[in-house]
Amino acid sequence: MTYPPGYPHQPQPGFGGAAAAAYDAQRRSRRRTTIILSAIVAILSVVLALGAIKVYQDKTGNIIIPALSLRAADDAGPDPFTPSVALAHNTTPLKNRTRGAGHQGVRVVSGTDPGQYATTGTAPCDTAALGNYLNSNPAAASAWAGVFGIRTSDISWYLNTLSPVVLTADTWVTNHAFRGGTAVPFQSVLQAGTPVYVDSIGVPRAVCSCGNPLRPPAAAPVGGYRVVGDPWHDFHTRDVERVIYKTQHVTVINNTTTVVNQPAAPAPLAPLTIQNLVTGITEILNVGGTLDLPAPPADVKLPDPTTLNNAPTFTADDADQNGTVDGSDAPAEAVVERAQENNDAPVIEASSSTTVVPSDGTTTTVETPGVETPGVTPGVETPGVTPTDTSPPTTETTVATTPTDFGSSTGDAIGSLTFTADGTNVTCTLPSSFNSSTVTATCSDSISREFNASDLSQSTVSSAVSSSSDQIWRVTPVGSTESLTVTTALWQTLTPSTSESTETETSAEPTE
């Protein structure tokens, strides 16, 4: 058949020579017109696609869609600051679906609202253990203190202004991973039941399962993010809560609870009213004073809780990864546009499968995760649009279904590790001595990977595995944003010249 369909190539009976010539000329003209129109349509499609994708790209051309990481109640996640100091586990407080005001796809609440937090009847976290670990690990302490703008010698005094509680709702925060000796910020939702530390105005400040310091979440609509991780059975972004900033307050106007972008009238500092999960009744919590410390020295300057309760500002790559404008707390234009396209219901990428589902829970449509086709709403069929392959670029990260197997090996550091990439097992072998803060592994896929030596130590690995709900060890190579999910690993004993022994601190006294 000719293209486009029409008259057969040979003229029908009755056509004369002139008629046949006219027909051929008409046919060639029609074909040229069709080809030109098709080319124009193709070019316009490419231009529109590039225009839509450009807003999600960084300076190197990589597509940036900031992530909102889900963290289950007992999940320390990769690159924790400390071993778990949580004393409360598997708490299941009922979520209050009607608290606060709907704002940018989540619920905005005051940290001092009665019942915002809970207790199990006893302290849900070991504050002394957290202080001891930070005081005996200068690198982690320096990064941790930097989040709050304090000195490492002031950490114990600052911890003594906080109190451990249990979240009664899925809560959006700016979390931090301890990676490469620095605090790397990322947006995160902590599951209801997670033990955390809060300050005197009810703002979450640290996670007990990993010691990670916390700041308020980015001032951006949730629909502009991609939600990554394994959603718990009753997770919906519309029910996620975030504590309101100092520049806002929740009030009732015309019988409607709403968010007003101006500070509320100052109120005298008061204890928090929290819920006892065992008895079901409310209790009064005077925040702070958990540690038995003397009065702080005159040179200790601790931050004011209200001053710290603001929308965070990020720079460079951190701004891209957290969805804000570089050097500003304003949301990135691409994040706002994406939220509008998604009606403030972000797509959820489940890490344990290859499905993507809308987070509003109203449909069971699934897709392959990755970069969405410009102009096509995720999970919604668009007439005239043929589905295309939107699979993301392959990464080295894969999800293990069983705990990491360390065999019967012993030693003080990792000697080799195996993970899966693109369905193939990759084994990386570490040198027998660590002579610097980073070490380079030789891997079976001929790719050299560099790791932080501290991430491979017996204490760090064991702490990470013991605090992980699935008992899986995950480690992030230097310069990468993706963690490797290790299926098997073997220990080795480092040469004496690089071995170090340390004594565990047993007091919470601050160090200079």
Protein backbone atom coordinates (compact mmCIF):
# COMPACT_ATOMS: atom_id res chain seq x y z
CA MET A 1 0.00 0.00 0.00
CA THR A 2 1.23 3.50 -0.76
CA TYR A 3 1.41 6.22 1.88
CA PRO A 4 -0.79 8.06 2.35
CA PRO A 5 -3.60 5.68 1.34
CA GLY A 6 -5.42 6.93 -1.69
CA TYR A 7 -5.61 6.15 -5.37
CA PRO A 8 -3.60 3.16 -6.55
CA HIS A 9 -0.27 3.98 -8.06
CA GLN A 10 -1.45 3.09 -11.56
CA PRO A 11 -4.19 5.32 -13.03
CA GLN A 12 -7.63 3.72 -13.43
CA PRO A 13 -9.02 2.93 -16.86
CA GLY A 14 -10.21 6.00 -18.68
CA PHE A 15 -7.23 8.12 -17.69
CA GLY A 16 -5.43 9.62 -20.60
CA GLY A 17 -1.76 10.55 -20.74
CA ALA A 18 -2.38 14.15 -19.57
CA ALA A 19 -4.75 12.97 -16.86
CA ALA A 20 -2.23 10.40 -15.67
CA ALA A 21 0.51 13.04 -15.52
CA ALA A 22 -1.77 15.39 -13.59
CA TYR A 23 -2.67 12.62 -11.18
CA ASP A 24 1.01 11.76 -10.57
CA ALA A 25 1.87 15.42 -9.96
CA GLN A 26 -1.05 15.76 -7.55
CA ARG A 27 -0.02 12.58 -5.76
CA ARG A 28 3.62 13.74 -5.37
CA SER A 29 2.47 17.14 -4.07
CA ARG A 30 0.14 15.50 -1.54
CA ARG A 31 2.95 13.20 -0.35
CA ARG A 32 5.37 16.13 0.05
CA THR A 33 2.76 18.05 2.04
CA THR A 34 2.19 15.08 4.32
CA ILE A 35 5.91 14.62 4.93
CA ILE A 36 6.38 18.33 5.69
CA LEU A 37 3.43 18.41 8.09
CA SER A 38 4.70 15.27 9.84
CA ALA A 39 8.14 16.81 10.25
CA ILE A 40 6.65 20.01 11.68
CA VAL A 41 4.58 18.02 14.19
CA ALA A 42 7.65 15.99 15.22
CA ILE A 43 9.77 19.11 15.67
CA LEU A 44 7.08 20.82 17.74
CA SER A 45 6.74 17.72 19.91
CA VAL A 46 10.47 17.69 20.59
CA VAL A 47 10.52 21.41 21.38
CA LEU A 48 7.60 21.10 23.79
CA ALA A 49 9.14 18.05 25.43
CA LEU A 50 12.47 19.78 25.88
CA GLY A 51 10.75 22.82 27.32
CA ALA A 52 8.93 20.68 29.86
CA ILE A 53 11.98 18.64 30.81
CA LYS A 54 14.33 21.63 31.05
CA VAL A 55 12.77 22.86 34.30
CA TYR A 56 13.67 19.55 35.94
CA GLN A 57 17.34 19.59 34.91
CA ASP A 58 20.41 20.79 36.75
CA LYS A 59 23.39 22.48 35.13
CA THR A 60 24.81 19.16 33.94
CA GLY A 61 21.59 18.16 32.23
CA ASN A 62 20.56 15.61 34.86
CA ILE A 63 16.85 15.59 35.61
CA ILE A 64 16.15 16.70 39.18
CA ILE A 65 12.88 15.77 40.84
CA PRO A 66 13.47 16.19 44.58
CA ALA A 67 12.68 13.19 46.77
CA LEU A 68 10.57 12.91 49.91
CA SER A 69 11.97 9.89 51.73
CA LEU A 70 9.69 7.68 53.84
CA ARG A 71 11.16 6.44 57.13
CA ALA A 72 9.31 3.79 59.12
CA ALA A 73 9.22 4.16 62.91
CA ASP A 74 12.26 1.94 63.63
CA ASP A 75 14.14 2.56 60.36
CA ALA A 76 17.46 4.35 60.84
CA GLY A 77 18.02 4.58 57.10
CA PRO A 78 21.45 4.77 55.46
CA ASP A 79 24.23 6.94 56.92
CA PRO A 80 22.84 7.47 60.45
CA PHE A 81 24.60 9.87 62.83
CA THR A 82 24.58 7.47 65.79
CA PRO A 83 23.47 3.99 66.78
CA SER A 84 19.83 3.82 67.85
CA VAL A 85 19.03 5.23 71.29
CA ALA A 86 15.32 4.45 70.98
CA LEU A 87 13.77 2.67 73.96
CA ALA A 88 10.21 2.55 72.61
CA HIS A 89 9.46 0.26 69.68
CA ASN A 90 6.43 -0.81 67.66
CA THR A 91 4.20 1.90 69.09
CA THR A 92 0.98 2.33 67.12
CA PRO A 93 -0.74 5.59 68.11
CA LEU A 94 -3.99 6.41 66.37
CA LYS A 95 -3.65 9.17 63.81
CA ASN A 96 -5.86 12.23 64.06
CA ARG A 97 -7.04 12.91 60.50
CA THR A 98 -8.64 16.29 61.19
CA ARG A 99 -5.86 18.22 62.95
CA GLY A 100 -4.61 21.54 61.68
CA ALA A 101 -5.29 23.03 58.27
CA GLY A 102 -4.76 21.68 54.77
CA HIS A 103 -1.90 23.54 53.12
CA GLN A 104 0.14 22.65 50.00
CA GLY A 105 -1.06 19.03 50.05
CA VAL A 106 -0.38 18.26 53.75
CA ARG A 107 -1.74 19.30 57.15
CA VAL A 108 -0.17 22.17 59.06
CA VAL A 109 -0.29 22.01 62.86
CA SER A 110 1.10 23.76 65.91
CA GLY A 111 3.72 21.81 67.81
CA THR A 112 2.06 22.80 71.08
CA ASP A 113 -1.38 21.40 70.20
CA PRO A 114 -2.59 18.96 72.90
CA GLY A 115 -2.03 15.35 71.83
CA GLN A 116 0.39 16.29 69.08
CA TYR A 117 2.91 13.96 70.71
CA ALA A 118 2.71 10.92 72.95
CA THR A 119 4.51 8.88 75.58
CA THR A 120 4.64 5.20 76.42
CA GLY A 121 4.73 5.93 80.13
CA THR A 122 8.54 5.81 80.25
CA ALA A 123 11.26 7.70 78.40
CA PRO A 124 11.14 6.58 74.74
CA CYS A 125 14.83 7.46 74.17
CA ASP A 126 18.15 7.29 76.03
CA THR A 127 19.38 10.88 76.05
CA ALA A 128 22.58 10.07 77.93
CA ALA A 129 23.53 7.47 75.31
CA LEU A 130 22.99 10.00 72.53
CA GLY A 131 25.12 12.61 74.29
CA ASN A 132 27.86 10.09 75.09
CA TYR A 133 28.13 8.90 71.49
CA LEU A 134 28.34 12.40 70.06
CA ASN A 135 30.86 13.51 72.67
CA SER A 136 33.10 10.54 71.81
CA ASN A 137 32.80 10.96 68.01
CA PRO A 138 34.07 14.44 67.10
CA ALA A 139 33.27 14.27 63.38
CA ALA A 140 29.64 13.31 63.93
CA ALA A 141 29.36 15.82 66.78
CA SER A 142 30.69 18.67 64.65
CA ALA A 143 28.23 17.96 61.83
CA TRP A 144 25.35 17.48 64.29
CA ALA A 145 26.06 20.72 66.14
CA GLY A 146 26.38 22.63 62.87
CA VAL A 147 22.73 21.95 62.03
CA PHE A 148 21.70 23.99 65.08
CA GLY A 149 24.51 26.56 64.98
CA ILE A 150 26.05 25.50 68.28
CA ARG A 151 29.49 24.33 69.39
CA THR A 152 30.23 20.66 69.90
CA SER A 153 30.99 21.42 73.54
CA ASP A 154 27.41 22.69 73.90
CA ILE A 155 25.70 19.53 72.64
CA SER A 156 24.89 18.10 76.07
CA TRP A 157 23.43 21.41 77.20
CA TYR A 158 21.31 21.62 74.06
CA LEU A 159 20.09 18.02 74.47
CA ASN A 160 19.00 19.00 77.96
CA THR A 161 16.58 21.55 76.46
CA LEU A 162 14.81 18.76 74.51
CA SER A 163 12.53 15.90 75.52
CA PRO A 164 11.90 12.53 73.83
CA VAL A 165 8.32 11.86 72.67
CA VAL A 166 6.50 9.67 70.14
CA LEU A 167 4.95 11.07 66.96
CA THR A 168 1.18 10.63 66.73
CA ALA A 169 1.06 11.39 63.00
CA ASP A 170 3.23 10.92 59.93
CA THR A 171 5.39 14.04 60.10
CA TRP A 172 7.32 15.92 57.40
CA VAL A 173 10.78 17.17 58.44
CA THR A 174 14.14 18.10 56.98
CA ASN A 175 16.23 15.09 57.96
CA HIS A 176 20.03 14.81 57.77
CA ALA A 177 22.35 11.94 56.87
CA PHE A 178 25.92 11.79 58.14
CA ARG A 179 27.87 11.38 54.92
CA GLY A 180 31.48 12.27 54.16
CA GLY A 181 31.83 13.95 57.54
CA THR A 182 28.98 16.40 56.89
CA ALA A 183 25.26 16.68 57.59
CA VAL A 184 23.50 16.15 54.25
CA PRO A 185 19.90 17.47 54.32
CA PHE A 186 17.00 15.64 52.72
CA GLN A 187 13.21 15.87 52.92
CA SER A 188 11.67 13.03 54.89
CA VAL A 189 8.37 11.79 56.35
CA LEU A 190 8.68 10.04 59.71
CA GLN A 191 6.02 7.45 60.46
CA ALA A 192 3.63 7.90 63.36
CA GLY A 193 5.10 6.01 66.31
CA THR A 194 8.66 7.25 65.66
CA PRO A 195 10.45 8.35 68.86
CA VAL A 196 11.92 11.83 68.39
CA TYR A 197 13.23 14.74 70.45
CA VAL A 198 11.21 17.97 70.46
CA ASP A 199 12.03 21.42 71.78
CA SER A 200 9.91 23.59 74.06
CA ILE A 201 7.60 24.75 71.23
CA GLY A 202 7.04 21.22 69.93
CA VAL A 203 9.35 21.24 66.90
CA PRO A 204 11.06 17.86 66.16
CA ARG A 205 14.84 18.19 66.56
CA ALA A 206 16.35 14.68 66.39
CA VAL A 207 15.39 11.08 65.60
CA CYS A 208 16.09 8.49 68.30
CA SER A 209 16.59 5.52 65.96
CA CYS A 210 19.55 7.15 64.19
CA GLY A 211 20.50 10.33 66.06
CA ASN A 212 19.86 12.38 62.92
CA PRO A 213 19.33 16.11 63.63
CA LEU A 214 16.12 17.64 62.27
CA ARG A 215 14.99 21.00 60.95
CA PRO A 216 11.53 22.12 59.77
CA PRO A 217 10.60 20.92 56.27
CA ALA A 218 11.12 22.86 53.06
CA ALA A 219 8.47 25.47 52.27
CA ALA A 220 7.29 23.72 49.11
CA PRO A 221 4.12 21.90 48.02
CA VAL A 222 4.31 18.16 48.55
CA GLY A 223 3.00 17.46 45.05
CA GLY A 224 6.29 18.69 43.58
CA TYR A 225 8.25 15.80 45.10
CA ARG A 226 8.57 12.12 44.31
CA VAL A 227 7.87 10.04 47.40
CA VAL A 228 10.47 7.27 47.72
CA GLY A 229 10.55 4.29 50.06
CA ASP A 230 8.05 1.66 51.17
CA PRO A 231 4.72 3.25 52.19
CA TRP A 232 3.12 1.83 55.33
CA HIS A 233 -0.40 0.46 54.96
CA ASP A 234 -2.25 3.67 55.94
CA PHE A 235 0.12 6.22 54.40
CA HIS A 236 -1.40 9.12 52.43
CA THR A 237 0.38 12.41 51.84
CA ARG A 238 -2.84 14.33 52.51
CA ASP A 239 -2.64 13.10 56.14
CA VAL A 240 1.04 14.00 56.62
CA GLU A 241 1.58 16.80 59.14
CA ARG A 242 4.24 19.46 59.42
CA VAL A 243 4.76 21.83 62.34
CA ILE A 244 4.00 25.40 61.38
CA TYR A 245 6.84 27.94 60.97
CA LYS A 246 7.32 30.94 63.26
CA THR A 247 6.10 33.17 60.38
CA GLN A 248 2.69 31.46 60.23
CA HIS A 249 -0.15 30.34 62.45
CA VAL A 250 -3.27 28.20 62.16
CA THR A 251 -6.53 29.98 62.88
CA VAL A 252 -10.26 29.80 62.13
CA ILE A 253 -11.70 32.28 59.65
CA ASN A 254 -15.38 32.08 58.67
CA ASN A 255 -15.67 28.66 60.33
CA THR A 256 -12.75 27.35 58.27
CA THR A 257 -9.40 26.34 59.75
CA THR A 258 -6.70 27.97 57.64
CA VAL A 259 -3.05 29.04 57.62
CA VAL A 260 -2.24 32.72 57.97
CA ASN A 261 1.17 33.93 56.80
CA GLN A 262 2.01 36.07 59.78
CA PRO A 263 3.29 35.24 63.25
CA ALA A 264 0.74 34.47 65.93
CA ALA A 265 0.53 36.68 68.99
CA PRO A 266 3.29 35.64 71.40
CA ALA A 267 2.14 33.33 74.16
CA PRO A 268 3.87 32.47 77.43
CA LEU A 269 5.96 29.32 77.28
CA ALA A 270 3.95 26.41 78.65
CA PRO A 271 4.43 22.66 79.09
CA LEU A 272 3.33 20.34 76.29
CA THR A 273 0.17 18.28 76.72
CA ILE A 274 0.90 14.79 75.42
CA GLN A 275 -1.03 11.53 75.17
CA ASN A 276 -0.12 8.44 77.22
CA LEU A 277 -0.39 5.53 74.77
CA VAL A 278 -0.75 3.01 77.59
CA THR A 279 -3.46 4.68 79.67
CA GLY A 280 -5.05 6.75 76.90
CA ILE A 281 -5.09 9.89 79.03
CA THR A 282 -3.20 13.15 78.55
CA GLU A 283 -0.19 14.22 80.59
CA ILE A 284 1.79 17.40 81.10
CA LEU A 285 5.38 17.36 79.85
CA ASN A 286 7.85 19.97 81.02
CA VAL A 287 10.33 19.91 78.15
CA GLY A 288 14.02 19.50 78.96
CA GLY A 289 15.96 18.53 82.05
CA THR A 290 16.41 14.91 80.95
CA LEU A 291 20.10 14.86 81.86
CA ASP A 292 21.46 15.47 85.34
CA LEU A 293 23.71 18.39 84.48
CA PRO A 294 24.74 21.47 86.44
CA ALA A 295 23.85 24.93 85.24
CA PRO A 296 25.51 25.65 81.87
CA PRO A 297 28.69 27.77 81.88
CA ALA A 298 28.36 31.44 81.07
CA ASP A 299 29.84 31.01 77.59
CA VAL A 300 27.20 28.47 76.50
CA LYS A 301 24.82 30.13 74.04
CA LEU A 302 21.91 27.93 73.07
CA PRO A 303 19.55 28.81 70.21
CA ASP A 304 16.07 30.16 70.84
CA PRO A 305 13.50 27.53 69.73
CA THR A 306 11.31 30.10 67.98
CA THR A 307 14.26 31.51 66.04
CA LEU A 308 15.15 28.02 64.79
CA ASN A 309 11.59 27.33 63.65
CA ASN A 310 11.84 28.67 60.12
CA ALA A 311 11.76 27.35 56.58
CA PRO A 312 15.27 26.08 55.77
CA THR A 313 17.53 27.56 53.11
CA PHE A 314 19.78 25.36 50.96
CA THR A 315 22.50 26.06 48.42
CA ALA A 316 23.86 24.41 45.26
CA ASP A 317 23.05 20.69 44.96
CA ASP A 318 21.31 20.66 48.34
CA ALA A 319 18.80 23.18 46.99
CA ASP A 320 18.10 20.98 43.94
CA GLN A 321 17.70 17.85 46.06
CA ASN A 322 15.39 19.58 48.56
CA GLY A 323 13.24 21.44 46.05
CA THR A 324 14.12 25.06 46.84
CA VAL A 325 15.71 28.03 45.11
CA ASP A 326 19.48 28.20 45.59
CA GLY A 327 20.19 30.42 48.59
CA SER A 328 16.53 30.99 49.41
CA ASP A 329 13.76 29.24 51.35
CA ALA A 330 11.39 29.74 48.40
CA PRO A 331 10.25 26.61 46.53
CA ALA A 332 11.81 25.99 43.13
CA GLU A 333 9.62 26.97 40.19
CA ALA A 334 9.74 23.44 38.81
CA VAL A 335 8.47 22.04 42.13
CA VAL A 336 5.53 24.46 42.17
CA GLU A 337 4.66 23.66 38.55
CA ARG A 338 4.89 19.94 39.16
CA ALA A 339 2.62 20.22 42.22
CA GLN A 340 0.04 22.06 40.14
CA GLU A 341 0.17 19.37 37.48
CA ASN A 342 -0.27 16.66 40.12
CA ASN A 343 -2.99 18.50 42.08
CA ASP A 344 -0.70 18.29 45.12
CA ALA A 345 -0.76 14.48 45.07
CA PRO A 346 2.80 13.30 44.35
CA VAL A 347 3.69 10.00 42.78
CA ILE A 348 4.99 7.34 45.17
CA GLU A 349 7.95 5.22 44.08
CA ALA A 350 8.01 2.01 46.12
CA SER A 351 11.62 0.91 46.62
CA SER A 352 10.70 -2.77 46.95
CA SER A 353 9.04 -3.01 43.55
CA THR A 354 8.86 -1.33 40.17
CA THR A 355 5.44 0.21 40.64
CA VAL A 356 4.46 3.83 40.97
CA VAL A 357 1.09 4.73 42.45
CA PRO A 358 -0.63 8.06 43.03
CA SER A 359 -0.43 9.02 46.70
CA ASP A 360 -4.05 10.09 47.09
CA GLY A 361 -5.21 6.48 47.31
CA THR A 362 -8.08 7.01 44.87
CA THR A 363 -6.87 4.68 42.11
CA THR A 364 -4.93 1.47 41.66
CA THR A 365 -3.29 2.48 38.38
CA VAL A 366 0.43 1.65 38.36
CA GLU A 367 3.33 2.71 36.21
CA THR A 368 7.02 2.04 35.87
CA PRO A 369 8.90 4.55 38.05
CA GLY A 370 11.07 7.16 36.46
CA VAL A 371 10.87 10.44 34.62
CA GLU A 372 7.32 11.15 33.55
CA THR A 373 6.40 11.95 29.95
CA PRO A 374 6.05 15.76 29.65
CA GLY A 375 2.39 16.72 29.45
CA VAL A 376 1.15 13.34 30.66
CA THR A 377 -0.28 13.07 34.18
CA PRO A 378 1.05 10.00 36.02
CA GLY A 379 -1.45 7.17 36.25
CA VAL A 380 -3.97 8.85 33.90
CA GLU A 381 -4.51 7.70 30.32
CA THR A 382 -4.30 10.51 27.79
CA PRO A 383 -6.21 10.05 24.52
CA GLY A 384 -3.95 9.89 21.52
CA VAL A 385 -0.79 9.44 23.57
CA THR A 386 1.06 6.17 23.14
CA PRO A 387 2.85 5.03 26.31
CA THR A 388 6.60 5.34 26.00
CA ASP A 389 9.44 3.78 27.88
CA THR A 390 9.96 6.06 30.89
CA SER A 391 12.27 3.80 32.81
CA PRO A 392 14.87 5.72 34.83
CA PRO A 393 18.58 5.44 34.20
CA THR A 394 19.93 2.30 35.82
CA THR A 395 21.62 2.74 39.19
CA GLU A 396 23.72 0.53 41.38
CA THR A 397 21.08 0.44 44.08
CA THR A 398 18.88 -2.61 44.39
CA VAL A 399 16.59 -3.85 47.12
CA ALA A 400 17.49 -6.95 49.06
CA THR A 401 14.69 -9.14 50.39
CA THR A 402 16.78 -10.88 53.06
CA PRO A 403 19.17 -9.54 55.71
CA THR A 404 22.77 -8.92 54.68
CA ASP A 405 24.78 -12.14 55.06
CA PHE A 406 28.15 -11.68 56.77
CA GLY A 407 28.84 -15.43 56.88
CA SER A 408 31.18 -16.63 59.61
CA SER A 409 33.87 -14.04 58.95
CA THR A 410 35.33 -11.86 61.70
CA GLY A 411 37.43 -8.70 61.80
CA ASP A 412 37.37 -4.99 62.45
CA ALA A 413 36.41 -3.71 58.98
CA ILE A 414 34.73 -4.81 55.77
CA GLY A 415 37.00 -6.78 53.42
CA SER A 416 34.53 -7.28 50.58
CA LEU A 417 30.89 -6.58 49.79
CA THR A 418 28.46 -7.75 47.13
CA PHE A 419 25.41 -5.96 45.74
CA THR A 420 23.20 -6.39 42.69
CA ALA A 421 23.14 -4.00 39.74
CA ASP A 422 20.99 -4.58 36.66
CA GLY A 423 20.39 -8.16 37.76
CA THR A 424 24.11 -8.94 38.08
CA ASN A 425 26.03 -9.50 41.32
CA VAL A 426 28.92 -7.08 41.74
CA THR A 427 31.65 -7.81 44.30
CA CYS A 428 33.97 -5.07 45.56
CA THR A 429 37.19 -5.93 47.39
CA LEU A 430 38.70 -3.48 49.90
CA PRO A 431 42.43 -3.09 50.61
CA SER A 432 43.87 -4.78 53.70
CA SER A 433 44.86 -1.46 55.27
CA PHE A 434 43.02 1.86 55.42
CA ASN A 435 45.66 4.59 55.27
CA SER A 436 43.33 7.57 54.80
CA SER A 437 39.78 8.68 55.49
CA THR A 438 38.65 7.16 52.19
CA VAL A 439 39.51 3.82 50.59
CA THR A 440 39.12 2.62 47.01
CA ALA A 441 37.60 -0.77 46.26
CA THR A 442 38.29 -2.95 43.23
CA CYS A 443 34.98 -4.19 41.83
CA SER A 444 34.11 -7.07 39.52
CA ASP A 445 32.35 -4.76 37.04
CA SER A 446 35.68 -2.92 36.50
CA ILE A 447 34.36 0.23 38.21
CA SER A 448 36.44 1.63 41.05
CA ARG A 449 34.36 2.81 43.99
CA GLU A 450 35.56 4.98 46.85
CA PHE A 451 34.14 4.62 50.37
CA ASN A 452 34.55 6.50 53.62
CA ALA A 453 36.76 4.34 55.84
CA SER A 454 34.54 5.10 58.84
CA ASP A 455 31.53 3.64 57.01
CA LEU A 456 33.33 0.27 56.76
CA SER A 457 34.34 -0.12 60.41
CA GLN A 458 32.90 -2.93 62.47
CA SER A 459 31.16 -0.58 64.92
CA THR A 460 29.54 1.57 62.22
CA VAL A 461 28.36 -1.37 60.12
CA SER A 462 27.05 -3.32 63.11
CA SER A 463 25.20 -0.26 64.40
CA ALA A 464 23.64 0.39 61.01
CA VAL A 465 22.49 -3.22 60.66
CA SER A 466 21.15 -3.49 64.20
CA SER A 467 19.16 -0.27 63.83
CA SER A 468 17.73 -1.29 60.44
CA SER A 469 14.26 -2.82 60.57
CA ASP A 470 15.17 -5.30 57.80
CA GLN A 471 18.71 -6.01 59.06
CA ILE A 472 20.17 -4.94 55.74
CA TRP A 473 23.42 -2.99 55.47
CA ARG A 474 23.40 -0.07 53.05
CA VAL A 475 26.49 1.98 52.23
CA THR A 476 26.94 5.03 50.00
CA PRO A 477 30.09 5.44 47.85
CA VAL A 478 31.87 8.79 48.03
CA GLY A 479 30.40 11.24 45.53
CA SER A 480 27.22 9.21 45.00
CA THR A 481 23.67 9.99 46.11
CA GLU A 482 22.58 6.35 45.86
CA SER A 483 23.23 3.79 48.57
CA LEU A 484 24.30 0.25 47.73
CA THR A 485 22.08 -2.40 49.28
CA VAL A 486 24.58 -5.07 50.30
CA THR A 487 23.50 -8.70 49.96
CA THR A 488 26.67 -10.33 51.35
CA ALA A 489 29.82 -9.01 53.02
CA LEU A 490 32.95 -10.40 54.64
CA TRP A 491 35.00 -8.96 57.49
CA GLN A 492 38.77 -8.54 57.54
CA THR A 493 41.32 -7.62 60.20
CA LEU A 494 43.19 -4.48 59.22
CA THR A 495 46.95 -4.29 59.55
CA PRO A 496 48.12 -2.99 62.97
CA SER A 497 49.38 0.27 61.51
CA THR A 498 45.86 1.38 60.68
CA SER A 499 44.01 -0.19 63.59
CA GLU A 500 42.73 2.12 66.24
CA SER A 501 41.22 1.38 69.61
CA THR A 502 38.84 3.68 71.41
CA GLU A 503 37.17 3.61 74.75
CA THR A 504 33.42 4.10 75.04
CA GLU A 505 32.41 7.12 77.05
CA THR A 506 30.07 6.39 79.93
CA SER A 507 29.02 9.85 81.02
CA ALA A 508 27.01 12.58 79.39
CA GLU A 509 29.35 15.33 80.49
CA PRO A 510 30.16 17.78 77.65
CA THR A 511 33.68 17.91 76.23
CA GLU A 512 35.50 21.00 75.16
